[in-house]
């Protein structure tokens, strides 16, 4: 009986969402119809069952004899203890990767997340976030971004954060991406509120009731306590120095059903582009464009929709990453099989970027 009721509720929720998406214009069509499955190996072995989340792919000028590099974290079965960044390089093709080394291990308390990759002056920099670790808590903060520098033959980890976040439920530095612009370095990130403190109570019963109410309200798109304020920007004169907060800028032309969660950024023909995960769960993947490197406007047509990819047996799309090289747009994103929601795997696709932009613009 419980299984039957659960199935009926899911069916009713599906019908409800189809109706409101149709009324309020949530996009259903998308560019990508098929994705290639990637493989990430440590020797001949898989790390955490081959689980890959938070990918960041970049091309170097042949750093340590390799051109293409990837950093990521596992997150198998939503286990924070395994969420530790790895550095990899491409082997043979851009869908095959070999682990170079683990960048940072697990913590006694707290966890890592959101690694990012930058090549500059023949050096490789790996950035990652530490959440509620002793290092940041002892400094009076909740989260901090750290960096490890790789040269041609050595590596050095900085033990002081370059960006810190103090508030427990509001974080302006989610999913950071680092780019060199002129003589300066910028960090672009997502500015999020995770929870509304008005709905957090000391009483355990009230908290449980509040959580159920909020989950139900969010599922029906009535009220979502998670808010995306937009894209935050930080800047520094040194790649591993302290970054100064510039401000947060809303993404224009964003669909009302989207709450941008994770992102990545890349340059092309003097414009800056963002690939964005549109919500925390079962997201679409969209593209946004900036002509001034500050204000972003989203394209209405998604690159990937969760509903379209379910036809291929995939769901649970998470943080994307993208690069344009010689006019070709390479997009990577982690996703789950509809039959195994514990395992996140890496998928890719590629397009001529100018042609892709024409399609998004309806030209």
Protein backbone atom coordinates (compact mmCIF):
# COMPACT_ATOMS: atom_id res chain seq x y z
CA UNK A 1 0.00 0.00 0.00
CA UNK A 2 2.81 2.45 0.92
CA UNK A 3 4.62 1.70 -2.36
CA UNK A 4 1.38 2.23 -4.30
CA UNK A 5 0.70 5.59 -2.58
CA UNK A 6 4.28 6.68 -3.16
CA UNK A 7 3.99 5.85 -6.86
CA UNK A 8 0.71 7.74 -7.13
CA UNK A 9 2.17 10.81 -5.40
CA UNK A 10 5.14 10.84 -7.79
CA UNK A 11 2.76 10.57 -10.75
CA UNK A 12 0.59 13.42 -9.44
CA UNK A 13 3.69 15.55 -8.82
CA UNK A 14 4.86 14.85 -12.37
CA UNK A 15 1.47 15.90 -13.83
CA UNK A 16 1.45 19.03 -11.64
CA UNK A 17 4.93 20.02 -12.77
CA UNK A 18 4.15 19.44 -16.44
CA UNK A 19 1.17 21.78 -16.09
CA UNK A 20 2.95 24.63 -14.30
CA UNK A 21 6.04 24.32 -16.50
CA UNK A 22 3.78 24.68 -19.52
CA UNK A 23 1.93 27.66 -18.03
CA UNK A 24 5.04 29.55 -16.90
CA UNK A 25 7.29 28.60 -19.79
CA UNK A 26 9.99 26.33 -18.41
CA UNK A 27 12.17 25.22 -21.36
CA UNK A 28 11.74 21.64 -22.51
CA UNK A 29 13.84 21.57 -25.69
CA UNK A 30 17.64 21.60 -25.48
CA UNK A 31 20.77 21.42 -27.63
CA UNK A 32 22.40 18.24 -26.34
CA UNK A 33 20.63 14.98 -27.16
CA UNK A 34 23.47 12.55 -26.43
CA UNK A 35 26.43 12.43 -24.06
CA UNK A 36 29.65 10.40 -24.13
CA UNK A 37 30.63 8.52 -20.99
CA UNK A 38 34.12 9.29 -19.68
CA UNK A 39 36.51 7.13 -17.68
CA UNK A 40 38.76 8.27 -14.84
CA UNK A 41 41.30 5.69 -13.66
CA UNK A 42 43.90 5.54 -10.90
CA UNK A 43 46.31 3.12 -12.54
CA UNK A 44 43.87 0.39 -13.56
CA UNK A 45 41.58 1.00 -10.61
CA UNK A 46 38.54 3.17 -9.99
CA UNK A 47 38.37 5.62 -7.08
CA UNK A 48 35.11 5.37 -5.14
CA UNK A 49 33.50 3.18 -7.81
CA UNK A 50 34.47 5.70 -10.49
CA UNK A 51 32.47 8.48 -8.86
CA UNK A 52 33.19 11.96 -10.33
CA UNK A 53 31.67 15.26 -9.16
CA UNK A 54 32.72 18.93 -9.44
CA UNK A 55 34.83 18.51 -12.62
CA UNK A 56 37.01 21.33 -13.89
CA UNK A 57 38.78 20.77 -17.24
CA UNK A 58 41.50 23.05 -18.58
CA UNK A 59 44.09 23.00 -21.38
CA UNK A 60 47.73 23.80 -20.60
CA UNK A 61 50.74 24.57 -22.80
CA UNK A 62 52.12 21.11 -22.14
CA UNK A 63 52.44 21.24 -18.34
CA UNK A 64 54.52 18.21 -17.28
CA UNK A 65 54.26 16.85 -20.80
CA UNK A 66 50.44 16.83 -20.91
CA UNK A 67 48.03 19.33 -22.49
CA UNK A 68 44.63 18.53 -20.98
CA UNK A 69 44.02 18.36 -17.22
CA UNK A 70 41.05 17.62 -14.97
CA UNK A 71 40.41 18.16 -11.28
CA UNK A 72 37.39 16.68 -9.52
CA UNK A 73 36.12 15.19 -6.26
CA UNK A 74 34.32 11.90 -5.68
CA UNK A 75 31.02 12.13 -3.81
CA UNK A 76 29.82 8.54 -3.88
CA UNK A 77 26.53 8.02 -2.02
CA UNK A 78 26.71 11.69 -0.92
CA UNK A 79 29.60 10.84 1.44
CA UNK A 80 31.49 14.02 2.40
CA UNK A 81 34.44 11.99 3.72
CA UNK A 82 35.46 10.96 0.18
CA UNK A 83 34.90 14.44 -1.28
CA UNK A 84 38.61 15.16 -1.77
CA UNK A 85 40.15 16.74 -4.90
CA UNK A 86 42.18 14.77 -7.42
CA UNK A 87 44.30 16.03 -10.31
CA UNK A 88 44.19 14.07 -13.59
CA UNK A 89 45.50 14.29 -17.14
CA UNK A 90 44.07 13.14 -20.44
CA UNK A 91 45.26 9.84 -21.91
CA UNK A 92 44.63 9.19 -25.60
CA UNK A 93 41.42 11.20 -25.92
CA UNK A 94 39.43 13.73 -23.93
CA UNK A 95 37.07 11.09 -22.56
CA UNK A 96 39.88 9.10 -20.91
CA UNK A 97 41.66 10.40 -17.82
CA UNK A 98 44.40 9.13 -15.51
CA UNK A 99 44.81 10.25 -11.91
CA UNK A 100 48.05 12.20 -11.37
CA UNK A 101 47.64 12.49 -7.59
CA UNK A 102 45.27 13.32 -4.78
CA UNK A 103 45.54 17.06 -4.13
CA UNK A 104 44.08 17.10 -0.62
CA UNK A 105 43.01 14.35 1.76
CA UNK A 106 40.08 14.10 4.17
CA UNK A 107 39.81 16.16 7.36
CA UNK A 108 39.20 15.13 10.96
CA UNK A 109 36.13 17.36 10.82
CA UNK A 110 34.56 19.19 7.91
CA UNK A 111 35.09 18.35 4.25
CA UNK A 112 36.46 19.56 0.90
CA UNK A 113 34.49 20.57 -2.18
CA UNK A 114 34.45 22.50 -5.47
CA UNK A 115 37.99 22.23 -6.90
CA UNK A 116 39.07 24.56 -9.70
CA UNK A 117 42.09 24.59 -12.01
CA UNK A 118 44.23 27.42 -13.43
CA UNK A 119 47.42 27.38 -15.50
CA UNK A 120 49.60 30.48 -15.29
CA UNK A 121 53.28 31.16 -16.05
CA UNK A 122 54.06 27.45 -16.60
CA UNK A 123 52.56 26.61 -13.19
CA UNK A 124 49.39 24.75 -12.27
CA UNK A 125 47.16 25.98 -9.44
CA UNK A 126 44.47 23.84 -7.82
CA UNK A 127 41.87 25.64 -5.69
CA UNK A 128 39.34 23.94 -3.43
CA UNK A 129 36.92 24.86 -0.68
CA UNK A 130 37.16 23.65 2.90
CA UNK A 131 33.83 23.57 4.72
CA UNK A 132 33.72 23.68 8.55
CA UNK A 133 37.27 22.31 8.89
CA UNK A 134 39.42 23.11 11.92
CA UNK A 135 41.58 25.44 9.85
CA UNK A 136 38.70 27.75 8.94
CA UNK A 137 36.77 27.39 12.21
CA UNK A 138 39.84 28.39 14.23
CA UNK A 139 40.00 31.57 12.15
CA UNK A 140 36.37 32.39 12.98
CA UNK A 141 34.97 31.42 9.59
CA UNK A 142 32.77 28.62 8.20
CA UNK A 143 34.40 28.09 4.81
CA UNK A 144 37.61 28.99 3.03
CA UNK A 145 39.21 28.59 -0.40
CA UNK A 146 42.71 27.12 -0.42
CA UNK A 147 45.30 26.68 -3.18
CA UNK A 148 48.11 24.30 -4.08
CA UNK A 149 50.78 25.32 -6.59
CA UNK A 150 52.40 22.77 -8.91
CA UNK A 151 55.60 23.70 -10.76
CA UNK A 152 57.37 21.54 -13.34
CA UNK A 153 58.78 19.32 -10.58
CA UNK A 154 57.42 20.30 -7.15
CA UNK A 155 54.21 21.28 -5.35
CA UNK A 156 53.53 23.70 -2.49
CA UNK A 157 50.28 24.01 -0.54
CA UNK A 158 49.26 27.31 1.03
CA UNK A 159 47.82 26.77 4.50
CA UNK A 160 46.03 30.13 4.66
CA UNK A 161 42.74 30.63 2.80
CA UNK A 162 42.64 33.22 0.01
CA UNK A 163 38.86 33.74 0.34
CA UNK A 164 36.81 33.19 3.50
CA UNK A 165 33.06 32.98 4.24
CA UNK A 166 31.75 33.71 7.73
CA UNK A 167 27.99 33.11 7.57
CA UNK A 168 26.68 29.59 8.18
CA UNK A 169 23.72 29.73 5.80
CA UNK A 170 24.85 32.33 3.22
CA UNK A 171 27.93 31.70 1.10
CA UNK A 172 29.16 34.07 -1.65
CA UNK A 173 31.93 31.73 -2.86
CA UNK A 174 30.21 28.53 -4.00
CA UNK A 175 31.78 26.68 -6.96
CA UNK A 176 34.65 29.16 -7.52
CA UNK A 177 36.41 29.57 -10.87
CA UNK A 178 39.71 31.43 -11.31
CA UNK A 179 40.64 33.35 -14.46
CA UNK A 180 43.55 35.65 -15.30
CA UNK A 181 42.34 38.91 -16.86
CA UNK A 182 45.14 41.27 -17.87
CA UNK A 183 47.53 41.59 -14.94
CA UNK A 184 44.94 40.57 -12.33
CA UNK A 185 43.23 37.38 -11.25
CA UNK A 186 39.50 37.03 -10.72
CA UNK A 187 37.42 34.51 -8.88
CA UNK A 188 33.87 34.06 -10.14
CA UNK A 189 31.51 32.08 -7.90
CA UNK A 190 27.85 31.54 -7.08
CA UNK A 191 26.36 33.54 -4.19
CA UNK A 192 23.83 31.35 -2.35
CA UNK A 193 21.59 31.26 0.66
CA UNK A 194 21.21 27.63 1.71
CA UNK A 195 18.60 28.07 4.44
CA UNK A 196 16.22 30.73 5.73
CA UNK A 197 16.99 31.19 9.44
CA UNK A 198 13.35 32.12 10.09
CA UNK A 199 12.47 28.44 9.57
CA UNK A 200 15.13 27.06 11.94
CA UNK A 201 13.86 26.33 15.46
CA UNK A 202 15.41 25.07 18.69
CA UNK A 203 12.48 22.74 19.20
CA UNK A 204 13.16 19.41 17.43
CA UNK A 205 9.51 18.79 16.57
CA UNK A 206 9.10 22.23 15.03
CA UNK A 207 12.27 21.72 13.01
CA UNK A 208 11.02 18.40 11.62
CA UNK A 209 7.68 19.92 10.73
CA UNK A 210 9.44 22.91 9.14
CA UNK A 211 11.69 20.66 7.05
CA UNK A 212 8.74 18.63 5.76
CA UNK A 213 6.79 21.80 4.97
CA UNK A 214 9.75 23.36 3.15
CA UNK A 215 10.44 20.19 1.15
CA UNK A 216 6.77 19.98 0.12
CA UNK A 217 6.66 23.68 -0.74
CA UNK A 218 9.85 23.46 -2.79
CA UNK A 219 8.64 20.39 -4.70
CA UNK A 220 5.50 22.30 -5.68
CA UNK A 221 7.52 25.43 -6.57
CA UNK A 222 5.56 27.47 -4.04
CA UNK A 223 8.48 28.57 -1.86
CA UNK A 224 12.16 27.65 -1.90
CA UNK A 225 14.34 28.70 1.02
CA UNK A 226 17.42 28.30 -1.18
CA UNK A 227 18.17 31.55 -3.00
CA UNK A 228 20.77 32.30 -5.65
CA UNK A 229 21.69 35.97 -5.47
CA UNK A 230 23.76 35.75 -8.63
CA UNK A 231 27.45 35.65 -9.56
CA UNK A 232 29.96 37.03 -7.07
CA UNK A 233 33.30 38.43 -8.20
CA UNK A 234 36.61 38.66 -6.31
CA UNK A 235 39.93 40.05 -7.55
CA UNK A 236 43.60 39.88 -6.59
CA UNK A 237 46.92 41.04 -8.05
CA UNK A 238 48.46 37.68 -7.11
CA UNK A 239 47.06 34.29 -8.10
CA UNK A 240 47.58 32.93 -4.57
CA UNK A 241 47.06 36.20 -2.69
CA UNK A 242 44.08 37.55 -0.78
CA UNK A 243 41.11 38.22 -3.05
CA UNK A 244 38.99 41.34 -2.56
CA UNK A 245 35.22 41.00 -2.91
CA UNK A 246 33.85 43.20 -5.72
CA UNK A 247 30.16 42.48 -5.51
CA UNK A 248 27.38 40.13 -6.59
CA UNK A 249 25.52 40.53 -9.88
CA UNK A 250 22.20 38.94 -10.80
CA UNK A 251 21.98 36.76 -13.89
CA UNK A 252 19.47 38.33 -16.25
CA UNK A 253 16.99 36.45 -18.43
CA UNK A 254 17.01 33.50 -16.01
CA UNK A 255 13.94 31.25 -15.96
CA UNK A 256 11.74 31.61 -12.87
CA UNK A 257 12.11 27.87 -12.07
CA UNK A 258 15.91 28.06 -11.95
CA UNK A 259 17.98 28.58 -8.80
CA UNK A 260 21.59 28.57 -10.12
CA UNK A 261 23.75 26.33 -7.95
CA UNK A 262 27.20 25.52 -9.46
CA UNK A 263 29.02 27.04 -12.40
CA UNK A 264 32.18 27.30 -14.49
CA UNK A 265 33.54 30.10 -16.70
CA UNK A 266 35.54 30.36 -19.92
CA UNK A 267 36.55 33.04 -22.43
CA UNK A 268 35.87 33.23 -26.17
CA UNK A 269 36.34 36.17 -28.56
CA UNK A 270 36.58 38.81 -25.81
CA UNK A 271 33.43 37.61 -24.05
CA UNK A 272 33.11 35.59 -20.84
CA UNK A 273 30.71 32.65 -20.69
CA UNK A 274 29.26 30.70 -17.78
CA UNK A 275 27.94 27.14 -17.85
CA UNK A 276 25.47 26.85 -15.00
CA UNK A 277 23.72 24.08 -13.09
CA UNK A 278 20.22 25.47 -12.66
CA UNK A 279 19.28 23.91 -9.31
CA UNK A 280 20.70 21.68 -6.60
CA UNK A 281 18.84 18.56 -7.73
CA UNK A 282 17.79 17.24 -11.16
CA UNK A 283 19.16 20.34 -12.84
CA UNK A 284 19.24 21.60 -16.38
CA UNK A 285 22.53 22.98 -17.71
CA UNK A 286 22.41 26.43 -19.31
CA UNK A 287 24.83 28.93 -20.84
CA UNK A 288 25.12 32.64 -19.97
CA UNK A 289 27.13 35.35 -21.72
CA UNK A 290 28.89 38.50 -20.53
CA UNK A 291 30.33 41.20 -22.80
CA UNK A 292 31.79 43.23 -19.90
CA UNK A 293 32.98 40.30 -17.70
CA UNK A 294 30.59 41.43 -14.94
CA UNK A 295 26.96 41.19 -16.02
CA UNK A 296 25.66 37.87 -17.39
CA UNK A 297 22.61 37.16 -19.52
CA UNK A 298 21.35 33.60 -19.78
CA UNK A 299 20.28 32.03 -23.06
CA UNK A 300 16.70 30.84 -22.86
CA UNK A 301 17.35 27.50 -24.54
CA UNK A 302 19.22 25.09 -22.24
CA UNK A 303 22.23 23.10 -23.30
CA UNK A 304 20.92 20.07 -21.36
CA UNK A 305 17.58 19.37 -19.74
CA UNK A 306 17.13 16.72 -17.10
CA UNK A 307 13.84 15.65 -18.70
CA UNK A 308 15.48 15.08 -22.11
CA UNK A 309 18.41 13.14 -20.64
CA UNK A 310 16.07 10.85 -18.70
CA UNK A 311 15.23 9.37 -22.10
CA UNK A 312 18.88 8.23 -22.16
CA UNK A 313 18.67 6.88 -18.60
CA UNK A 314 20.50 9.82 -16.98
CA UNK A 315 19.47 12.23 -14.24
CA UNK A 316 20.92 14.16 -11.30
CA UNK A 317 23.05 16.55 -13.37
CA UNK A 318 25.56 18.46 -11.27
CA UNK A 319 28.31 21.05 -11.73
CA UNK A 320 29.40 21.43 -15.39
CA UNK A 321 32.74 22.59 -16.78
CA UNK A 322 33.60 23.83 -20.26
CA UNK A 323 36.49 24.93 -22.48
CA UNK A 324 36.62 26.30 -26.03
CA UNK A 325 39.73 25.22 -27.93
CA UNK A 326 40.28 26.03 -31.62
CA UNK A 327 36.61 26.93 -31.93
CA UNK A 328 35.34 23.66 -30.41
CA UNK A 329 33.25 23.79 -27.25
CA UNK A 330 33.97 20.91 -24.86
CA UNK A 331 31.35 20.42 -22.15
CA UNK A 332 31.69 18.03 -19.21
CA UNK A 333 29.10 17.33 -16.55
CA UNK A 334 28.51 14.71 -13.88
CA UNK A 335 25.27 12.73 -13.89
CA UNK A 336 23.67 9.71 -12.30
CA UNK A 337 22.05 6.67 -13.83
CA UNK A 338 18.30 6.59 -13.24
CA UNK A 339 18.89 3.09 -11.86
CA UNK A 340 21.71 4.05 -9.46
CA UNK A 341 21.43 7.44 -7.77
CA UNK A 342 24.48 6.76 -5.54
CA UNK A 343 27.01 6.89 -8.38
CA UNK A 344 27.98 10.08 -10.23
CA UNK A 345 29.84 9.62 -13.51
CA UNK A 346 31.48 12.03 -15.93
CA UNK A 347 29.96 12.68 -19.37
CA UNK A 348 31.01 14.93 -22.24
CA UNK A 349 30.00 16.40 -25.59
CA UNK A 350 31.54 18.81 -28.09
CA UNK A 351 30.23 21.34 -30.63
CA UNK A 352 31.47 24.08 -32.90
CA UNK A 353 30.99 26.97 -30.51
CA UNK A 354 30.03 29.68 -33.00
CA UNK A 355 27.40 27.38 -34.50
CA UNK A 356 26.18 26.55 -31.00
CA UNK A 357 25.81 30.26 -30.18
CA UNK A 358 23.81 30.78 -33.38
CA UNK A 359 21.43 28.00 -32.34
CA UNK A 360 21.02 29.49 -28.86
CA UNK A 361 20.30 32.88 -30.39
CA UNK A 362 17.80 31.38 -32.82
CA UNK A 363 19.84 32.41 -35.86
